[in-house]
Amino acid sequence: MPEGDTVWQTAKRLHAALAGKVLTRSDLRVPKYATADLTGRTVLDVTPRGKHLLTRIEGGLTLHSHLRMDGTWRVYTNGQRWSGGGPAHQIRVILGTADRTAVGYRLPVLELIRTTEEHRAVGHLGPDLLGPDWNPELALANLLTDPARPLGEALLDQRNLAGIGNIYKSELCFLLGATPWLPIGALPADRAAKLPAIAKRLLEANRDRPIRNTTSTLTNNSPNPNRTTGPSTPAHPTPGTRATAPGAPDHRAPDARTPAHPAPRTPTTPLRPAARPHTPDLFVYGRAPRPCLRCNTPIRTANQGDGSRDRPTYWCPNCQIGPAPAR
C-alpha cells in the first residue's frame, strides 16, 4: 500500500531513470491529455511531496500523479518485458527515453499542469515527513486544531502532515499507546509531544527498505503505558513465552534447558547459529487476530472513517487506551 516512504522510493527510481534525459516516447492515456506530446522535452527531476509525485519537464510542465491505494510506477530497460505492474488496459501513462521506459499503472490522479501552478495540486498539504519543509511544531499544531477528532483520522488528513497512510496510522497509534478512535485532544501531552518525531523516524527508517518494518525501528524506545518489563528483561519476548531475567532460577523442564554438556562438534558437523524466532515486520497492521507482540492479547481490526473508503484499522485492546468499536 503506497505511503510516504514508498512514494519517496518511487520518486527516487523515476528520477534515476528519467532525470536529465530526453523523452523519446510520451503516451498519456487520460482523455483530457490524450493529445499531449512530451517527446523531445528533457525530464528535469522527479520530486515526491507527501504521497504525490511531481515529474518536472522542460518547458515549464509538471506531470502530477498520485498512487492512492493501488497505483504504481514501474521502470523497464528498453526491450525488457513489461511485467509486475498489471494488465495493459490499466496503463495510464508511458514515458520513454533512449534506455528506460517508465509506466504508470492504475493511477487515479494524473494531470499535466504548469510547474508554476503546482500549488494547485499540493499546496494544501501539511509539513512533509520526508521533505525539506518538515516542521514538527507546525505538524503538531495542525493535528491539535480539532481536539475532538479521532487520532487515526487526524493522522490521515494530509493537511495536518503529509506522508502517513493506513499502515502507519495503525502502527503509530500502537506506539503512542492510544486507539485510533481516541480524540486527539485526549492524548496525554507527553505522548502528543513525541508524535511528530516518532512518525518521522518511522518513515525515514523505511524509505530505503524494500520491506516496510516498524518492529525494529522503535523497539526499545516506544512508549507503552502497560509495559511492565524491567530493564534487564527483553521488551518483546516471543509470543506465548515468558522472559527469564539474568540470574533467576530456570524452572523449565530439563529437556527445555541448554544441555550442561553439549555434544562435541566433529569435523563433519556444520557450525550453525542458534535459531531465532522471526519477529513480524509490523506491530499490529494486518495481524488480527494474532497475539500482540507485547502482551499476547489478540489484535483487533475494524474499519475507521465514514465508510466511503475501505480503511482497515488494527489495534491492541490492552496496550492502547481509548474508545474502540464494539465486537
C-alpha atoms as a PDB file:
ATOM      1  CA  MET A   1       0.000   0.000   0.000  1.00  0.00           C
ATOM      2  CA  PRO A   2       1.628   3.294  -1.075  1.00  0.00           C
ATOM      3  CA  GLU A   3       2.519   5.652   1.771  1.00  0.00           C
ATOM      4  CA  GLY A   4       5.073   8.420   2.124  1.00  0.00           C
ATOM      5  CA  ASP A   5       8.049   6.070   2.205  1.00  0.00           C
ATOM      6  CA  THR A   6       7.045   4.060  -0.870  1.00  0.00           C
ATOM      7  CA  VAL A   7       6.242   7.238  -2.805  1.00  0.00           C
ATOM      8  CA  TRP A   8       9.720   8.511  -1.891  1.00  0.00           C
ATOM      9  CA  GLN A   9      11.219   5.261  -3.225  1.00  0.00           C
ATOM     10  CA  THR A  10       9.166   5.561  -6.413  1.00  0.00           C
ATOM     11  CA  ALA A  11      10.358   9.118  -6.969  1.00  0.00           C
ATOM     12  CA  LYS A  12      13.951   8.008  -6.458  1.00  0.00           C
ATOM     13  CA  ARG A  13      13.606   5.250  -9.080  1.00  0.00           C
ATOM     14  CA  LEU A  14      11.868   7.522 -11.574  1.00  0.00           C
ATOM     15  CA  HIS A  15      14.417  10.286 -11.078  1.00  0.00           C
ATOM     16  CA  ALA A  16      17.303   7.867 -11.657  1.00  0.00           C
ATOM     17  CA  ALA A  17      15.653   6.558 -14.827  1.00  0.00           C
ATOM     18  CA  LEU A  18      14.393   9.806 -16.379  1.00  0.00           C
ATOM     19  CA  ALA A  19      16.080  12.924 -14.997  1.00  0.00           C
ATOM     20  CA  GLY A  20      18.373  14.675 -17.442  1.00  0.00           C
ATOM     21  CA  LYS A  21      17.152  12.581 -20.371  1.00  0.00           C
ATOM     22  CA  VAL A  22      15.122  13.488 -23.441  1.00  0.00           C
ATOM     23  CA  LEU A  23      11.747  11.815 -23.810  1.00  0.00           C
ATOM     24  CA  THR A  24      11.507   9.682 -26.934  1.00  0.00           C
ATOM     25  CA  ARG A  25       8.047   8.350 -26.099  1.00  0.00           C
ATOM     26  CA  SER A  26       5.064  10.012 -24.457  1.00  0.00           C
ATOM     27  CA  ASP A  27       1.649   8.407 -24.050  1.00  0.00           C
ATOM     28  CA  LEU A  28      -0.875   9.876 -21.580  1.00  0.00           C
ATOM     29  CA  ARG A  29      -3.894   7.574 -21.543  1.00  0.00           C
ATOM     30  CA  VAL A  30      -6.253  10.031 -19.926  1.00  0.00           C
ATOM     31  CA  PRO A  31      -8.887  11.582 -22.216  1.00  0.00           C
ATOM     32  CA  LYS A  32      -8.077  15.162 -21.240  1.00  0.00           C
ATOM     33  CA  TYR A  33      -4.391  14.760 -22.113  1.00  0.00           C
ATOM     34  CA  ALA A  34      -4.589  12.121 -24.848  1.00  0.00           C
ATOM     35  CA  THR A  35      -3.230  14.526 -27.466  1.00  0.00           C
ATOM     36  CA  ALA A  36      -0.434  15.936 -25.284  1.00  0.00           C
ATOM     37  CA  ASP A  37       3.004  15.179 -26.736  1.00  0.00           C
ATOM     38  CA  LEU A  38       6.039  15.470 -24.461  1.00  0.00           C
ATOM     39  CA  THR A  39       8.569  13.880 -26.821  1.00  0.00           C
ATOM     40  CA  GLY A  40      11.701  15.923 -27.381  1.00  0.00           C
ATOM     41  CA  ARG A  41      11.491  17.505 -23.921  1.00  0.00           C
ATOM     42  CA  THR A  42      14.003  16.793 -21.148  1.00  0.00           C
ATOM     43  CA  VAL A  43      12.853  15.484 -17.777  1.00  0.00           C
ATOM     44  CA  LEU A  44      14.278  17.828 -15.161  1.00  0.00           C
ATOM     45  CA  ASP A  45      13.527  15.946 -11.943  1.00  0.00           C
ATOM     46  CA  VAL A  46      11.028  13.758 -10.124  1.00  0.00           C
ATOM     47  CA  THR A  47      10.102  15.028  -6.664  1.00  0.00           C
ATOM     48  CA  PRO A  48       7.880  13.439  -4.005  1.00  0.00           C
ATOM     49  CA  ARG A  49       5.541  15.645  -1.995  1.00  0.00           C
ATOM     50  CA  GLY A  50       3.790  13.668   0.710  1.00  0.00           C
ATOM     51  CA  LYS A  51       2.039  10.934  -1.263  1.00  0.00           C
ATOM     52  CA  HIS A  52       2.151  12.912  -4.525  1.00  0.00           C
ATOM     53  CA  LEU A  53       4.685  12.662  -7.373  1.00  0.00           C
ATOM     54  CA  LEU A  54       5.793  15.688  -9.389  1.00  0.00           C
ATOM     55  CA  THR A  55       7.637  14.906 -12.628  1.00  0.00           C
ATOM     56  CA  ARG A  56       9.006  18.216 -13.890  1.00  0.00           C
ATOM     57  CA  ILE A  57       9.600  18.514 -17.609  1.00  0.00           C
ATOM     58  CA  GLU A  58      11.366  21.072 -19.777  1.00  0.00           C
ATOM     59  CA  GLY A  59       9.112  23.872 -20.905  1.00  0.00           C
ATOM     60  CA  GLY A  60       7.568  24.625 -17.520  1.00  0.00           C
ATOM     61  CA  LEU A  61       5.398  21.491 -17.314  1.00  0.00           C
ATOM     62  CA  THR A  62       4.776  19.103 -14.418  1.00  0.00           C
ATOM     63  CA  LEU A  63       3.167  15.686 -14.629  1.00  0.00           C
ATOM     64  CA  HIS A  64       1.348  15.264 -11.314  1.00  0.00           C
ATOM     65  CA  SER A  65       0.385  11.763 -10.210  1.00  0.00           C
ATOM     66  CA  HIS A  66      -0.966  10.128  -7.064  1.00  0.00           C
ATOM     67  CA  LEU A  67      -0.909   6.393  -6.334  1.00  0.00           C
ATOM     68  CA  ARG A  68      -3.825   6.315  -3.860  1.00  0.00           C
ATOM     69  CA  MET A  69      -4.472   2.706  -2.765  1.00  0.00           C
ATOM     70  CA  ASP A  70      -3.018   0.549  -5.530  1.00  0.00           C
ATOM     71  CA  GLY A  71      -1.383   2.702  -8.198  1.00  0.00           C
ATOM     72  CA  THR A  72       2.224   2.008  -9.147  1.00  0.00           C
ATOM     73  CA  TRP A  73       5.036   3.176 -11.420  1.00  0.00           C
ATOM     74  CA  ARG A  74       7.372   0.601 -12.975  1.00  0.00           C
ATOM     75  CA  VAL A  75      10.688   1.242 -14.754  1.00  0.00           C
ATOM     76  CA  TYR A  76      11.896  -1.091 -17.502  1.00  0.00           C
ATOM     77  CA  THR A  77      15.002  -1.208 -19.654  1.00  0.00           C
ATOM     78  CA  ASN A  78      14.265  -0.953 -23.337  1.00  0.00           C
ATOM     79  CA  GLY A  79      13.482  -4.372 -24.706  1.00  0.00           C
ATOM     80  CA  GLN A  80      12.522  -5.720 -21.270  1.00  0.00           C
ATOM     81  CA  ARG A  81       9.139  -7.394 -20.934  1.00  0.00           C
ATOM     82  CA  TRP A  82       6.683  -5.231 -19.009  1.00  0.00           C
ATOM     83  CA  SER A  83       5.750  -7.416 -16.078  1.00  0.00           C
ATOM     84  CA  GLY A  84       4.648  -6.928 -12.488  1.00  0.00           C
ATOM     85  CA  GLY A  85       2.621  -3.767 -12.969  1.00  0.00           C
ATOM     86  CA  GLY A  86      -0.638  -5.178 -14.240  1.00  0.00           C
ATOM     87  CA  PRO A  87      -2.521  -5.784 -17.498  1.00  0.00           C
ATOM     88  CA  ALA A  88      -2.090  -3.382 -20.397  1.00  0.00           C
ATOM     89  CA  HIS A  89      -5.559  -1.862 -20.019  1.00  0.00           C
ATOM     90  CA  GLN A  90      -4.532  -0.498 -16.589  1.00  0.00           C
ATOM     91  CA  ILE A  91      -1.688   1.587 -18.022  1.00  0.00           C
ATOM     92  CA  ARG A  92      -2.328   5.324 -17.645  1.00  0.00           C
ATOM     93  CA  VAL A  93       0.996   6.812 -18.791  1.00  0.00           C
ATOM     94  CA  ILE A  94       4.179   5.814 -20.612  1.00  0.00           C
ATOM     95  CA  LEU A  95       7.336   7.947 -20.563  1.00  0.00           C
ATOM     96  CA  GLY A  96      10.266   6.591 -22.559  1.00  0.00           C
ATOM     97  CA  THR A  97      13.882   7.643 -23.076  1.00  0.00           C
ATOM     98  CA  ALA A  98      16.690   6.125 -25.119  1.00  0.00           C
ATOM     99  CA  ASP A  99      17.363   3.464 -22.469  1.00  0.00           C
ATOM    100  CA  ARG A 100      14.480   3.386 -19.978  1.00  0.00           C
ATOM    101  CA  THR A 101      10.682   3.321 -20.006  1.00  0.00           C
ATOM    102  CA  ALA A 102       8.535   4.373 -17.034  1.00  0.00           C
ATOM    103  CA  VAL A 103       4.992   3.001 -16.983  1.00  0.00           C
ATOM    104  CA  GLY A 104       2.263   4.174 -14.609  1.00  0.00           C
ATOM    105  CA  TYR A 105      -0.483   1.654 -13.760  1.00  0.00           C
ATOM    106  CA  ARG A 106      -3.863   2.353 -12.131  1.00  0.00           C
ATOM    107  CA  LEU A 107      -3.051   5.989 -11.394  1.00  0.00           C
ATOM    108  CA  PRO A 108      -6.299   7.563 -10.124  1.00  0.00           C
ATOM    109  CA  VAL A 109      -4.771  11.037 -10.356  1.00  0.00           C
ATOM    110  CA  LEU A 110      -2.809  12.045 -13.448  1.00  0.00           C
ATOM    111  CA  GLU A 111      -2.691  15.607 -14.731  1.00  0.00           C
ATOM    112  CA  LEU A 112      -0.376  17.797 -16.756  1.00  0.00           C
ATOM    113  CA  ILE A 113      -0.037  21.231 -15.189  1.00  0.00           C
ATOM    114  CA  ARG A 114       2.198  24.262 -15.342  1.00  0.00           C
ATOM    115  CA  THR A 115       5.126  23.976 -12.939  1.00  0.00           C
ATOM    116  CA  THR A 116       4.260  27.442 -11.674  1.00  0.00           C
ATOM    117  CA  GLU A 117       0.848  26.089 -10.669  1.00  0.00           C
ATOM    118  CA  GLU A 118       1.988  23.064  -8.640  1.00  0.00           C
ATOM    119  CA  HIS A 119       0.431  24.688  -5.611  1.00  0.00           C
ATOM    120  CA  ARG A 120      -2.976  23.755  -7.038  1.00  0.00           C
ATOM    121  CA  ALA A 121      -2.053  20.098  -6.620  1.00  0.00           C
ATOM    122  CA  VAL A 122      -0.015  20.063  -3.411  1.00  0.00           C
ATOM    123  CA  GLY A 123      -0.435  23.478  -1.804  1.00  0.00           C
ATOM    124  CA  HIS A 124      -2.969  22.122   0.680  1.00  0.00           C
ATOM    125  CA  LEU A 125      -0.532  19.634   2.193  1.00  0.00           C
ATOM    126  CA  GLY A 126       0.896  19.991   5.679  1.00  0.00           C
ATOM    127  CA  PRO A 127       4.596  19.583   6.508  1.00  0.00           C
ATOM    128  CA  ASP A 128       6.113  16.664   4.577  1.00  0.00           C
ATOM    129  CA  LEU A 129       7.586  13.993   6.858  1.00  0.00           C
ATOM    130  CA  LEU A 130      10.272  13.216   4.257  1.00  0.00           C
ATOM    131  CA  GLY A 131      10.554  16.656   2.699  1.00  0.00           C
ATOM    132  CA  PRO A 132      12.770  19.700   3.216  1.00  0.00           C
ATOM    133  CA  ASP A 133       9.806  21.635   4.615  1.00  0.00           C
ATOM    134  CA  TRP A 134       9.338  19.312   7.613  1.00  0.00           C
ATOM    135  CA  ASN A 135       8.240  21.315  10.660  1.00  0.00           C
ATOM    136  CA  PRO A 136       7.321  19.190  13.712  1.00  0.00           C
ATOM    137  CA  GLU A 137       5.875  22.100  15.682  1.00  0.00           C
ATOM    138  CA  LEU A 138       3.539  23.082  12.847  1.00  0.00           C
ATOM    139  CA  ALA A 139       2.545  19.450  12.263  1.00  0.00           C
ATOM    140  CA  LEU A 140       1.562  19.024  15.915  1.00  0.00           C
ATOM    141  CA  ALA A 141      -0.312  22.327  15.947  1.00  0.00           C
ATOM    142  CA  ASN A 142      -2.229  21.230  12.847  1.00  0.00           C
ATOM    143  CA  LEU A 143      -3.149  17.913  14.436  1.00  0.00           C
ATOM    144  CA  LEU A 144      -4.435  19.586  17.590  1.00  0.00           C
ATOM    145  CA  THR A 145      -6.578  22.128  15.731  1.00  0.00           C
ATOM    146  CA  ASP A 146      -9.629  19.887  16.239  1.00  0.00           C
ATOM    147  CA  PRO A 147      -9.172  18.240  19.680  1.00  0.00           C
ATOM    148  CA  ALA A 148     -12.329  16.132  19.306  1.00  0.00           C
ATOM    149  CA  ARG A 149     -11.204  14.479  16.100  1.00  0.00           C
ATOM    150  CA  PRO A 150     -10.206  10.782  16.373  1.00  0.00           C
ATOM    151  CA  LEU A 151      -6.455  10.339  16.382  1.00  0.00           C
ATOM    152  CA  GLY A 152      -6.440   7.992  13.392  1.00  0.00           C
ATOM    153  CA  GLU A 153      -8.469  10.355  11.215  1.00  0.00           C
ATOM    154  CA  ALA A 154      -6.277  13.314  12.164  1.00  0.00           C
ATOM    155  CA  LEU A 155      -3.151  11.376  11.161  1.00  0.00           C
ATOM    156  CA  LEU A 156      -4.598  10.509   7.752  1.00  0.00           C
ATOM    157  CA  ASP A 157      -5.527  14.118   6.983  1.00  0.00           C
ATOM    158  CA  GLN A 158      -2.676  15.195   4.705  1.00  0.00           C
ATOM    159  CA  ARG A 159      -3.412  18.839   5.519  1.00  0.00           C
ATOM    160  CA  ASN A 160      -2.017  18.192   9.001  1.00  0.00           C
ATOM    161  CA  LEU A 161       1.146  16.376   7.983  1.00  0.00           C
ATOM    162  CA  ALA A 162       1.937  14.662   4.697  1.00  0.00           C
ATOM    163  CA  GLY A 163       3.001  11.062   4.236  1.00  0.00           C
ATOM    164  CA  ILE A 164       1.018   8.896   6.671  1.00  0.00           C
ATOM    165  CA  GLY A 165      -1.318   6.269   5.257  1.00  0.00           C
ATOM    166  CA  ASN A 166      -3.402   3.496   6.738  1.00  0.00           C
ATOM    167  CA  ILE A 167      -0.498   1.258   7.749  1.00  0.00           C
ATOM    168  CA  TYR A 168       1.491   3.938   9.560  1.00  0.00           C
ATOM    169  CA  LYS A 169      -1.701   5.214  11.150  1.00  0.00           C
ATOM    170  CA  SER A 170      -2.233   1.889  12.928  1.00  0.00           C
ATOM    171  CA  GLU A 171       1.448   1.440  13.780  1.00  0.00           C
ATOM    172  CA  LEU A 172       1.866   4.968  15.110  1.00  0.00           C
ATOM    173  CA  CYS A 173      -1.246   4.710  17.289  1.00  0.00           C
ATOM    174  CA  PHE A 174       0.144   1.489  18.761  1.00  0.00           C
ATOM    175  CA  LEU A 175       3.495   3.111  19.503  1.00  0.00           C
ATOM    176  CA  LEU A 176       1.677   6.016  21.173  1.00  0.00           C
ATOM    177  CA  GLY A 177      -0.368   3.596  23.299  1.00  0.00           C
ATOM    178  CA  ALA A 178      -3.688   5.052  22.086  1.00  0.00           C
ATOM    179  CA  THR A 179      -6.503   3.642  19.971  1.00  0.00           C
ATOM    180  CA  PRO A 180      -7.158   5.350  16.624  1.00  0.00           C
ATOM    181  CA  TRP A 181     -10.576   6.414  17.978  1.00  0.00           C
ATOM    182  CA  LEU A 182      -9.189   8.365  20.937  1.00  0.00           C
ATOM    183  CA  PRO A 183      -9.911  12.097  20.483  1.00  0.00           C
ATOM    184  CA  ILE A 184      -6.526  13.580  19.709  1.00  0.00           C
ATOM    185  CA  GLY A 185      -7.047  16.241  22.371  1.00  0.00           C
ATOM    186  CA  ALA A 186      -7.254  13.437  24.962  1.00  0.00           C
ATOM    187  CA  LEU A 187      -3.851  12.054  24.024  1.00  0.00           C
ATOM    188  CA  PRO A 188      -1.554  12.643  27.034  1.00  0.00           C
ATOM    189  CA  ALA A 189       0.611  15.697  26.440  1.00  0.00           C
ATOM    190  CA  ASP A 190       3.899  13.821  26.744  1.00  0.00           C
ATOM    191  CA  ARG A 191       2.863  11.360  24.046  1.00  0.00           C
ATOM    192  CA  ALA A 192       1.461  14.090  21.786  1.00  0.00           C
ATOM    193  CA  ALA A 193       4.789  15.906  22.012  1.00  0.00           C
ATOM    194  CA  LYS A 194       6.598  12.774  20.774  1.00  0.00           C
ATOM    195  CA  LEU A 195       4.181  12.064  17.923  1.00  0.00           C
ATOM    196  CA  PRO A 196       5.889  14.083  15.136  1.00  0.00           C
ATOM    197  CA  ALA A 197       9.344  12.713  15.944  1.00  0.00           C
ATOM    198  CA  ILE A 198       8.135   9.102  16.058  1.00  0.00           C
ATOM    199  CA  ALA A 199       6.260   9.492  12.781  1.00  0.00           C
ATOM    200  CA  LYS A 200       9.301  10.982  11.056  1.00  0.00           C
ATOM    201  CA  ARG A 201      11.596   8.291  12.433  1.00  0.00           C
ATOM    202  CA  LEU A 202       9.308   5.534  11.146  1.00  0.00           C
ATOM    203  CA  LEU A 203       9.152   6.904   7.607  1.00  0.00           C
ATOM    204  CA  GLU A 204      12.828   7.829   7.428  1.00  0.00           C
ATOM    205  CA  ALA A 205      13.870   4.373   8.607  1.00  0.00           C
ATOM    206  CA  ASN A 206      11.745   2.746   5.900  1.00  0.00           C
ATOM    207  CA  ARG A 207      12.306   4.976   2.898  1.00  0.00           C
ATOM    208  CA  ASP A 208      15.237   2.831   1.739  1.00  0.00           C
ATOM    209  CA  ARG A 209      13.926  -0.555   2.889  1.00  0.00           C
ATOM    210  CA  PRO A 210      12.461  -2.988   0.356  1.00  0.00           C
ATOM    211  CA  ILE A 211      10.095  -4.319   3.046  1.00  0.00           C
ATOM    212  CA  ARG A 212       8.424  -1.948   5.498  1.00  0.00           C
ATOM    213  CA  ASN A 213       9.374  -2.663   9.125  1.00  0.00           C
ATOM    214  CA  THR A 214       8.355  -0.900  12.336  1.00  0.00           C
ATOM    215  CA  THR A 215       9.176  -3.509  14.984  1.00  0.00           C
ATOM    216  CA  SER A 216      12.932  -2.999  14.661  1.00  0.00           C
ATOM    217  CA  THR A 217      12.747   0.784  14.333  1.00  0.00           C
ATOM    218  CA  LEU A 218      11.468   1.823  17.767  1.00  0.00           C
ATOM    219  CA  THR A 219      11.532  -1.452  19.713  1.00  0.00           C
ATOM    220  CA  ASN A 220      13.360  -0.094  22.725  1.00  0.00           C
ATOM    221  CA  ASN A 221      12.089   3.486  22.730  1.00  0.00           C
ATOM    222  CA  SER A 222       8.357   3.296  22.122  1.00  0.00           C
ATOM    223  CA  PRO A 223       6.009   4.467  24.891  1.00  0.00           C
ATOM    224  CA  ASN A 224       3.691   1.829  26.345  1.00  0.00           C
ATOM    225  CA  PRO A 225       1.520   2.622  29.379  1.00  0.00           C
ATOM    226  CA  ASN A 226       1.005  -1.066  30.148  1.00  0.00           C
ATOM    227  CA  ARG A 227       4.619  -2.120  29.867  1.00  0.00           C
ATOM    228  CA  THR A 228       5.780  -3.925  32.996  1.00  0.00           C
ATOM    229  CA  THR A 229       9.025  -5.495  31.847  1.00  0.00           C
ATOM    230  CA  GLY A 230      12.088  -4.427  33.766  1.00  0.00           C
ATOM    231  CA  PRO A 231      15.312  -3.060  32.317  1.00  0.00           C
ATOM    232  CA  SER A 232      17.028  -6.458  32.273  1.00  0.00           C
ATOM    233  CA  THR A 233      14.113  -8.254  30.640  1.00  0.00           C
ATOM    234  CA  PRO A 234      13.609  -8.228  26.853  1.00  0.00           C
ATOM    235  CA  ALA A 235      10.825  -5.821  25.969  1.00  0.00           C
ATOM    236  CA  HIS A 236       9.424  -8.150  23.329  1.00  0.00           C
ATOM    237  CA  PRO A 237       9.640 -11.815  24.350  1.00  0.00           C
ATOM    238  CA  THR A 238       8.467 -14.336  21.806  1.00  0.00           C
ATOM    239  CA  PRO A 239       4.638 -14.533  21.911  1.00  0.00           C
ATOM    240  CA  GLY A 240       3.499 -17.271  24.231  1.00  0.00           C
ATOM    241  CA  THR A 241       6.734 -17.320  26.245  1.00  0.00           C
ATOM    242  CA  ARG A 242       7.923 -15.664  29.422  1.00  0.00           C
ATOM    243  CA  ALA A 243      11.302 -13.982  29.588  1.00  0.00           C
ATOM    244  CA  THR A 244      13.691 -15.018  32.374  1.00  0.00           C
ATOM    245  CA  ALA A 245      15.768 -12.300  33.994  1.00  0.00           C
ATOM    246  CA  PRO A 246      19.534 -12.893  34.272  1.00  0.00           C
ATOM    247  CA  GLY A 247      20.415 -14.827  37.410  1.00  0.00           C
ATOM    248  CA  ALA A 248      16.865 -16.048  38.021  1.00  0.00           C
ATOM    249  CA  PRO A 249      16.375 -19.808  38.522  1.00  0.00           C
ATOM    250  CA  ASP A 250      15.288 -21.724  35.439  1.00  0.00           C
ATOM    251  CA  HIS A 251      12.160 -23.752  36.244  1.00  0.00           C
ATOM    252  CA  ARG A 252      11.640 -25.125  32.782  1.00  0.00           C
ATOM    253  CA  ALA A 253      11.580 -28.829  32.151  1.00  0.00           C
ATOM    254  CA  PRO A 254      15.094 -30.321  31.924  1.00  0.00           C
ATOM    255  CA  ASP A 255      14.714 -31.073  28.213  1.00  0.00           C
ATOM    256  CA  ALA A 256      13.902 -27.397  27.517  1.00  0.00           C
ATOM    257  CA  ARG A 257      17.140 -26.122  29.076  1.00  0.00           C
ATOM    258  CA  THR A 258      20.517 -25.788  27.438  1.00  0.00           C
ATOM    259  CA  PRO A 259      22.388 -29.102  27.892  1.00  0.00           C
ATOM    260  CA  ALA A 260      25.107 -28.909  30.522  1.00  0.00           C
ATOM    261  CA  HIS A 261      27.445 -30.861  28.243  1.00  0.00           C
ATOM    262  CA  PRO A 262      26.553 -30.300  24.593  1.00  0.00           C
ATOM    263  CA  ALA A 263      27.559 -32.928  22.113  1.00  0.00           C
ATOM    264  CA  PRO A 264      31.087 -32.380  20.792  1.00  0.00           C
ATOM    265  CA  ARG A 265      31.361 -30.976  17.307  1.00  0.00           C
ATOM    266  CA  THR A 266      33.023 -33.278  14.811  1.00  0.00           C
ATOM    267  CA  PRO A 267      34.710 -32.181  11.571  1.00  0.00           C
ATOM    268  CA  THR A 268      31.592 -33.262   9.660  1.00  0.00           C
ATOM    269  CA  THR A 269      29.174 -31.321  11.902  1.00  0.00           C
ATOM    270  CA  PRO A 270      28.460 -27.851  10.422  1.00  0.00           C
ATOM    271  CA  LEU A 271      28.635 -24.921  12.814  1.00  0.00           C
ATOM    272  CA  ARG A 272      25.191 -23.288  12.653  1.00  0.00           C
ATOM    273  CA  PRO A 273      23.948 -20.207  14.511  1.00  0.00           C
ATOM    274  CA  ALA A 274      21.222 -20.729  17.078  1.00  0.00           C
ATOM    275  CA  ALA A 275      17.752 -20.447  15.548  1.00  0.00           C
ATOM    276  CA  ARG A 276      15.917 -17.235  16.421  1.00  0.00           C
ATOM    277  CA  PRO A 277      12.156 -16.776  16.287  1.00  0.00           C
ATOM    278  CA  HIS A 278      11.063 -14.476  13.467  1.00  0.00           C
ATOM    279  CA  THR A 279       9.750 -11.117  14.634  1.00  0.00           C
ATOM    280  CA  PRO A 280       6.913  -9.787  12.448  1.00  0.00           C
ATOM    281  CA  ASP A 281       7.698  -6.649  10.465  1.00  0.00           C
ATOM    282  CA  LEU A 282       4.702  -4.725  11.850  1.00  0.00           C
ATOM    283  CA  PHE A 283       3.311  -4.432  15.383  1.00  0.00           C
ATOM    284  CA  VAL A 284      -0.409  -4.554  14.606  1.00  0.00           C
ATOM    285  CA  TYR A 285      -1.283  -3.839  10.976  1.00  0.00           C
ATOM    286  CA  GLY A 286      -2.543  -6.958   9.211  1.00  0.00           C
ATOM    287  CA  ARG A 287      -2.001  -9.117  12.307  1.00  0.00           C
ATOM    288  CA  ALA A 288      -5.550  -9.658  13.627  1.00  0.00           C
ATOM    289  CA  PRO A 289      -6.371 -11.940  15.405  1.00  0.00           C
ATOM    290  CA  ARG A 290      -2.789 -12.957  16.166  1.00  0.00           C
ATOM    291  CA  PRO A 291      -1.326 -12.093  19.592  1.00  0.00           C
ATOM    292  CA  CYS A 292       0.117  -8.703  20.406  1.00  0.00           C
ATOM    293  CA  LEU A 293       3.917  -8.771  20.459  1.00  0.00           C
ATOM    294  CA  ARG A 294       3.904  -7.091  23.867  1.00  0.00           C
ATOM    295  CA  CYS A 295       1.078  -8.649  25.856  1.00  0.00           C
ATOM    296  CA  ASN A 296      -0.250 -11.610  23.810  1.00  0.00           C
ATOM    297  CA  THR A 297      -3.770 -10.108  23.657  1.00  0.00           C
ATOM    298  CA  PRO A 298      -5.357 -10.832  20.244  1.00  0.00           C
ATOM    299  CA  ILE A 299      -5.031  -7.889  17.859  1.00  0.00           C
ATOM    300  CA  ARG A 300      -8.375  -6.498  16.704  1.00  0.00           C
ATOM    301  CA  THR A 301      -9.440  -4.887  13.450  1.00  0.00           C
ATOM    302  CA  ALA A 302     -12.289  -2.642  12.283  1.00  0.00           C
ATOM    303  CA  ASN A 303     -12.885  -0.002   9.629  1.00  0.00           C
ATOM    304  CA  GLN A 304     -12.437   3.633  10.559  1.00  0.00           C
ATOM    305  CA  GLY A 305     -13.966   6.597   8.779  1.00  0.00           C
ATOM    306  CA  ASP A 306     -17.233   7.436   7.082  1.00  0.00           C
ATOM    307  CA  GLY A 307     -17.369   4.200   5.102  1.00  0.00           C
ATOM    308  CA  SER A 308     -16.625   5.835   1.743  1.00  0.00           C
ATOM    309  CA  ARG A 309     -13.280   4.024   1.671  1.00  0.00           C
ATOM    310  CA  ASP A 310     -12.139   0.680   2.991  1.00  0.00           C
ATOM    311  CA  ARG A 311      -9.710   1.613   5.777  1.00  0.00           C
ATOM    312  CA  PRO A 312      -8.976  -1.465   7.907  1.00  0.00           C
ATOM    313  CA  THR A 313      -7.557  -0.354  11.239  1.00  0.00           C
ATOM    314  CA  TYR A 314      -5.689  -2.532  13.736  1.00  0.00           C
ATOM    315  CA  TRP A 315      -5.021  -2.111  17.445  1.00  0.00           C
ATOM    316  CA  CYS A 316      -4.292  -3.945  20.683  1.00  0.00           C
ATOM    317  CA  PRO A 317      -7.191  -3.542  23.140  1.00  0.00           C
ATOM    318  CA  ASN A 318      -4.820  -3.989  26.085  1.00  0.00           C
ATOM    319  CA  CYS A 319      -1.818  -1.850  25.137  1.00  0.00           C
ATOM    320  CA  GLN A 320      -3.792   1.068  23.704  1.00  0.00           C
ATOM    321  CA  ILE A 321      -6.026   3.374  25.748  1.00  0.00           C
ATOM    322  CA  GLY A 322      -9.188   4.968  24.434  1.00  0.00           C
ATOM    323  CA  PRO A 323     -12.509   4.047  22.800  1.00  0.00           C
ATOM    324  CA  ALA A 324     -12.856   1.371  20.124  1.00  0.00           C
ATOM    325  CA  PRO A 325     -15.720  -0.256  18.200  1.00  0.00           C
ATOM    326  CA  ALA A 326     -17.663  -2.978  19.990  1.00  0.00           C
ATOM    327  CA  ARG A 327     -17.102  -6.507  18.775  1.00  0.00           C
END
